[in-house]
């Protein structure tokens, strides 16, 4: 008998927008090479693998190229699948044991709110090739343990960016977050991670663990509404509380299949 696999569009309520993730609930742990091969076959920005534990679920995330330490949209997709398919009751909290510690998710009406660690950045000098690859002038450049963060002067500059992905791929980081204040939203962003096998991620929950702390300080507010301005696009509610960031999003199932 095959293994069920579900494709979910995360950080959206509209199919074929937001960020797609595959979710596979395993009856027992599998080797990393097999999970990596499945993620490469699915060819989505992330594929999530879940294994039930005594207190929640073990959760690992794979891009088509590498395993990652933190992923928001595939965690949102995983929680959505657990509730939708009856693995958890509607009022039960989803608890995930991951390489970034315990992550939780709760249902709030039509939204799911996840509790993630904040990953604030510190100001740095631009590394060789970063601004050349982005093709833009920066108002601020920072770095956290995963990514560079680059603030641009305007929303139009962020939306119009056409970076050199080959140049970004040479940087020794997971990815590059580009952001600005927004007109309709508190802030907007885009996320480029060619070094992790994803030229542009449609909607990136984990980048908002950095963005939340950054814009909290700049806007002097702890609750914000954000938009990731990729071609697919997606909305993220951000609530900063100390060293944690609560990320809210919606999700919709678009495909169910079976791994043979």
Protein backbone atom coordinates (compact mmCIF):
# COMPACT_ATOMS: atom_id res chain seq x y z
CA UNK A 1 0.00 0.00 0.00
CA UNK A 2 1.29 3.44 -0.89
CA UNK A 3 1.87 6.50 1.27
CA UNK A 4 -0.57 9.38 1.07
CA UNK A 5 0.91 12.73 0.04
CA UNK A 6 -1.03 15.99 0.02
CA UNK A 7 -0.22 19.26 -1.74
CA UNK A 8 -1.33 22.40 0.06
CA UNK A 9 -1.15 26.05 -0.95
CA UNK A 10 -0.06 27.93 2.19
CA UNK A 11 -0.49 31.56 3.23
CA UNK A 12 -3.55 31.87 1.01
CA UNK A 13 -7.20 30.86 0.86
CA UNK A 14 -7.20 30.79 -2.95
CA UNK A 15 -5.93 27.72 -4.85
CA UNK A 16 -2.88 28.20 -7.07
CA UNK A 17 -1.63 31.20 -5.10
CA UNK A 18 0.50 31.34 -1.94
CA UNK A 19 3.29 28.80 -1.52
CA UNK A 20 2.72 25.12 -2.38
CA UNK A 21 4.10 22.44 -0.08
CA UNK A 22 3.78 18.66 -0.11
CA UNK A 23 2.99 16.91 3.19
CA UNK A 24 3.70 13.22 3.79
CA UNK A 25 2.72 11.52 7.07
CA UNK A 26 5.01 8.52 7.59
CA UNK A 27 4.16 5.45 9.70
CA UNK A 28 7.81 5.31 10.82
CA UNK A 29 11.00 7.34 10.22
CA UNK A 30 12.65 7.07 6.80
CA UNK A 31 16.24 7.75 5.78
CA UNK A 32 17.14 11.29 4.75
CA UNK A 33 18.22 10.18 1.26
CA UNK A 34 14.72 8.81 0.56
CA UNK A 35 13.04 11.99 1.81
CA UNK A 36 15.40 14.08 -0.31
CA UNK A 37 14.55 11.99 -3.36
CA UNK A 38 10.82 12.45 -2.77
CA UNK A 39 11.30 16.22 -2.37
CA UNK A 40 13.25 16.30 -5.62
CA UNK A 41 10.44 14.35 -7.30
CA UNK A 42 7.76 16.72 -5.97
CA UNK A 43 9.89 19.69 -7.12
CA UNK A 44 8.19 22.17 -4.79
CA UNK A 45 9.97 24.70 -2.62
CA UNK A 46 9.42 22.39 0.38
CA UNK A 47 8.21 18.88 1.12
CA UNK A 48 7.37 18.11 4.77
CA UNK A 49 7.66 14.70 6.40
CA UNK A 50 5.79 13.93 9.63
CA UNK A 51 6.17 11.03 12.06
CA UNK A 52 3.81 10.74 15.03
CA UNK A 53 5.48 10.90 18.46
CA UNK A 54 4.18 10.66 22.01
CA UNK A 55 3.84 14.44 22.27
CA UNK A 56 3.14 15.61 18.74
CA UNK A 57 4.95 14.93 15.48
CA UNK A 58 8.52 14.85 14.30
CA UNK A 59 8.80 17.23 11.33
CA UNK A 60 11.53 17.61 8.71
CA UNK A 61 11.59 19.86 5.65
CA UNK A 62 13.38 19.33 2.33
CA UNK A 63 13.76 21.54 -0.73
CA UNK A 64 14.53 19.71 -4.00
CA UNK A 65 18.21 20.23 -3.13
CA UNK A 66 18.74 20.25 0.67
CA UNK A 67 17.20 19.71 4.09
CA UNK A 68 16.48 23.01 5.87
CA UNK A 69 16.44 23.98 9.54
CA UNK A 70 13.29 26.09 9.57
CA UNK A 71 10.31 26.42 7.22
CA UNK A 72 7.09 28.28 7.85
CA UNK A 73 4.82 27.51 4.92
CA UNK A 74 5.37 23.73 5.03
CA UNK A 75 4.69 23.79 8.79
CA UNK A 76 1.46 25.66 8.11
CA UNK A 77 0.60 23.11 5.41
CA UNK A 78 1.38 20.24 7.80
CA UNK A 79 -0.90 21.61 10.52
CA UNK A 80 -3.65 22.15 7.94
CA UNK A 81 -3.41 18.51 6.80
CA UNK A 82 -3.42 17.13 10.37
CA UNK A 83 -6.69 18.92 11.15
CA UNK A 84 -8.32 18.45 7.75
CA UNK A 85 -7.65 14.69 7.64
CA UNK A 86 -8.63 14.09 11.26
CA UNK A 87 -5.21 13.25 12.70
CA UNK A 88 -5.89 16.01 15.26
CA UNK A 89 -9.16 17.28 16.66
CA UNK A 90 -10.14 20.81 15.66
CA UNK A 91 -9.40 22.20 19.12
CA UNK A 92 -6.09 20.35 19.52
CA UNK A 93 -2.79 22.15 19.18
CA UNK A 94 -0.38 20.86 16.54
CA UNK A 95 3.05 20.27 18.10
CA UNK A 96 6.11 19.74 15.92
CA UNK A 97 9.57 18.59 17.04
CA UNK A 98 12.08 20.01 14.56
CA UNK A 99 15.72 20.98 14.06
CA UNK A 100 14.67 24.42 15.33
CA UNK A 101 13.08 23.07 18.51
CA UNK A 102 9.40 22.75 19.37
CA UNK A 103 7.05 24.63 17.04
CA UNK A 104 3.31 24.82 17.63
CA UNK A 105 0.25 25.75 15.60
CA UNK A 106 -3.30 26.62 16.69
CA UNK A 107 -6.52 27.08 14.75
CA UNK A 108 -8.07 30.55 14.98
CA UNK A 109 -11.20 30.38 12.86
CA UNK A 110 -10.15 30.27 9.21
CA UNK A 111 -6.55 31.10 10.16
CA UNK A 112 -3.69 29.07 11.61
CA UNK A 113 -1.24 30.74 13.98
CA UNK A 114 2.24 29.26 14.43
CA UNK A 115 4.71 29.95 17.24
CA UNK A 116 8.25 30.30 15.87
CA UNK A 117 11.59 31.54 17.24
CA UNK A 118 12.53 35.11 16.33
CA UNK A 119 15.68 35.30 14.19
CA UNK A 120 16.68 38.98 14.31
CA UNK A 121 19.44 40.35 12.11
CA UNK A 122 22.36 42.68 12.81
CA UNK A 123 23.70 45.34 10.47
CA UNK A 124 26.63 44.20 8.32
CA UNK A 125 28.71 45.48 5.44
CA UNK A 126 27.47 44.12 2.12
CA UNK A 127 29.42 41.04 1.04
CA UNK A 128 31.08 41.07 -2.34
CA UNK A 129 28.55 40.54 -5.10
CA UNK A 130 25.33 40.97 -3.10
CA UNK A 131 24.24 44.39 -4.34
CA UNK A 132 25.55 43.67 -7.82
CA UNK A 133 23.43 40.50 -7.96
CA UNK A 134 20.36 42.34 -6.68
CA UNK A 135 20.90 45.27 -9.03
CA UNK A 136 19.63 47.71 -6.41
CA UNK A 137 20.82 50.25 -3.85
CA UNK A 138 20.19 49.29 -0.22
CA UNK A 139 18.86 51.43 2.62
CA UNK A 140 19.97 48.75 5.12
CA UNK A 141 21.79 45.42 5.02
CA UNK A 142 21.62 42.92 7.87
CA UNK A 143 22.36 39.26 8.47
CA UNK A 144 20.99 36.60 10.81
CA UNK A 145 21.97 32.94 11.16
CA UNK A 146 20.14 32.02 7.95
CA UNK A 147 19.92 34.93 5.53
CA UNK A 148 20.86 38.43 4.47
CA UNK A 149 18.14 41.07 4.85
CA UNK A 150 18.17 44.03 2.47
CA UNK A 151 15.79 46.98 2.82
CA UNK A 152 15.11 48.93 -0.37
CA UNK A 153 13.79 52.48 -0.62
CA UNK A 154 10.32 51.69 -1.95
CA UNK A 155 7.69 49.04 -2.61
CA UNK A 156 8.12 49.60 -6.34
CA UNK A 157 11.83 48.79 -6.03
CA UNK A 158 11.05 45.49 -4.27
CA UNK A 159 8.32 44.49 -6.71
CA UNK A 160 10.40 45.39 -9.76
CA UNK A 161 13.56 43.57 -8.67
CA UNK A 162 15.04 41.14 -11.23
CA UNK A 163 18.10 39.72 -9.49
CA UNK A 164 20.95 37.71 -10.92
CA UNK A 165 20.24 34.34 -9.33
CA UNK A 166 23.62 33.01 -10.37
CA UNK A 167 25.27 35.80 -8.41
CA UNK A 168 23.08 35.21 -5.35
CA UNK A 169 23.88 31.50 -5.50
CA UNK A 170 27.52 32.27 -4.70
CA UNK A 171 26.68 33.79 -1.30
CA UNK A 172 27.31 31.40 1.63
CA UNK A 173 23.81 31.80 3.14
CA UNK A 174 20.41 30.13 2.85
CA UNK A 175 18.90 33.12 1.04
CA UNK A 176 18.37 36.86 0.69
CA UNK A 177 15.31 38.69 2.06
CA UNK A 178 14.44 41.95 0.29
CA UNK A 179 11.89 44.23 1.95
CA UNK A 180 10.36 47.71 2.14
CA UNK A 181 7.46 49.48 3.77
CA UNK A 182 4.17 48.79 2.03
CA UNK A 183 1.25 50.93 0.93
CA UNK A 184 -1.57 48.46 1.66
CA UNK A 185 0.46 46.36 4.13
CA UNK A 186 2.83 47.24 6.96
CA UNK A 187 5.69 45.83 4.92
CA UNK A 188 6.28 43.71 1.85
CA UNK A 189 9.10 41.33 0.99
CA UNK A 190 10.52 38.87 -1.49
CA UNK A 191 12.84 35.95 -0.76
CA UNK A 192 15.54 34.54 -3.03
CA UNK A 193 17.31 31.27 -2.17
CA UNK A 194 19.04 29.92 -5.28
CA UNK A 195 21.76 28.38 -3.10
CA UNK A 196 19.06 26.20 -1.51
CA UNK A 197 17.60 25.21 -4.87
CA UNK A 198 14.82 27.85 -4.97
CA UNK A 199 15.41 30.95 -7.11
CA UNK A 200 12.42 32.76 -5.58
CA UNK A 201 10.25 31.34 -2.82
CA UNK A 202 6.60 32.36 -3.25
CA UNK A 203 5.80 32.97 0.46
CA UNK A 204 8.37 32.35 3.20
CA UNK A 205 7.17 31.97 6.77
CA UNK A 206 10.64 31.66 8.28
CA UNK A 207 11.86 34.92 6.72
CA UNK A 208 9.14 36.70 8.70
CA UNK A 209 10.84 35.56 11.91
CA UNK A 210 13.54 38.05 10.91
CA UNK A 211 11.26 40.58 9.23
CA UNK A 212 8.96 40.73 12.24
CA UNK A 213 11.76 41.79 14.59
CA UNK A 214 13.17 44.22 12.04
CA UNK A 215 9.91 46.03 11.28
CA UNK A 216 8.77 45.96 14.92
CA UNK A 217 11.72 48.20 15.74
CA UNK A 218 11.20 50.47 12.71
CA UNK A 219 7.40 50.80 12.95
CA UNK A 220 7.16 50.64 16.76
CA UNK A 221 4.38 48.06 16.60
CA UNK A 222 4.26 44.36 17.45
CA UNK A 223 1.31 43.24 15.28
CA UNK A 224 1.68 43.67 11.54
CA UNK A 225 0.15 42.51 8.29
CA UNK A 226 2.71 41.56 5.65
CA UNK A 227 2.62 40.61 1.99
CA UNK A 228 5.21 38.59 0.08
CA UNK A 229 5.21 40.05 -3.41
CA UNK A 230 6.14 37.05 -5.52
CA UNK A 231 4.23 36.15 -8.68
CA UNK A 232 1.93 33.90 -6.59
CA UNK A 233 1.84 36.20 -3.55
CA UNK A 234 0.66 35.58 -0.01
CA UNK A 235 -0.43 37.30 3.20
CA UNK A 236 1.23 36.74 6.59
CA UNK A 237 0.01 38.02 9.94
CA UNK A 238 3.01 38.76 12.16
CA UNK A 239 2.92 39.18 15.95
CA UNK A 240 6.22 39.64 17.80
CA UNK A 241 6.43 38.66 21.46
CA UNK A 242 9.92 38.78 22.97
CA UNK A 243 12.09 36.12 21.38
CA UNK A 244 9.12 34.47 19.62
CA UNK A 245 7.18 35.41 16.51
CA UNK A 246 3.62 34.26 15.86
CA UNK A 247 2.90 33.81 12.16
CA UNK A 248 -0.67 33.60 10.93
CA UNK A 249 -1.82 32.27 7.59
CA UNK A 250 -4.50 30.38 5.74
CA UNK A 251 -4.13 27.21 3.69
CA UNK A 252 -6.06 25.26 1.05
CA UNK A 253 -5.58 21.67 -0.18
CA UNK A 254 -5.19 21.40 -3.95
CA UNK A 255 -4.08 17.81 -4.58
CA UNK A 256 -4.04 14.38 -2.92
CA UNK A 257 -1.96 11.51 -4.20
CA UNK A 258 -0.16 8.32 -3.26
CA UNK A 259 3.53 7.46 -3.27
CA UNK A 260 3.85 3.94 -4.71
